[in-house]
Amino acid sequence: MKITKIELQKQNKKRASVFLDGEFSFGANIETIYDYALRCSDEIDEKLKDEILKKDAEKDARNIALNLVAHHPFLEKELERKLSLKGCSPASIQSAVAFLKNYGYIDDQNYIKEYIRQKSRLYGEGRIRSNLISKGASKDLVERTLKENYHSDLEYEKAKKWAEKKLHSYNKDSFDSKYRKLYAFLIRKGVSYEISSCVVKELLSSC
């Protein structure tokens, strides 16, 4: 097959349409066209065409991934899901993720450490653990990083402060209603059942 025309696409000037034997065959990034030094009158077979399309797909996935991490940090699994939703192929996603990991744009352990640092003021250990795992973090890595970075010894006092602040909104409730609501509130915050129960009993014993 012979390349008979290469022209910039009207909707995206960073891409070009490649015509083989007088008919449109495929589109590719200008960068990919340059990488393969494609020119009119060059001969191209199916094997080379497939290689070009594979490399172009990898380049697209990498560019999308770089744009995503430039605005927001991601866990590896989160980024894979995002790229999949963007229509990237599994192979191009794997290539893009490997590229970003190699250059330090993706680091699950650092992400988890920073998440713990930011969210420990808002949530208990259980909520943080659940959130991270649901985002796609490795359970083992989450447990290990929590053990190293979460101050579980402060959980009781933190839960007590949250509960004291929340208790004011239940002033008109009965004792049983206060107990149920306060206990449920702490559980939603990610505080353990044991600590939640102790905190609620301590606060309501003075009511």
Foldseek 3Di string as FASTA:
>chain_A
DFFADWAADPVDNQKIFTADPRHTDDMAGPVLCVVVVDDGGDDDDPVRVVVSVLVRLLVVLLVVLVVVLVVPQAALVLSLVVSVVVVRDPVSSVSNSVVCVVVPSHDLLVVLLVLCVVCVLQADLQLSLVVSVVRPRDNVSNVVSCVVRPPNVCLLVSLLVVLVVVLVVCVVPDLVVSLVVQLVVNVNRRRDNVSSNVSSCVVSVVD
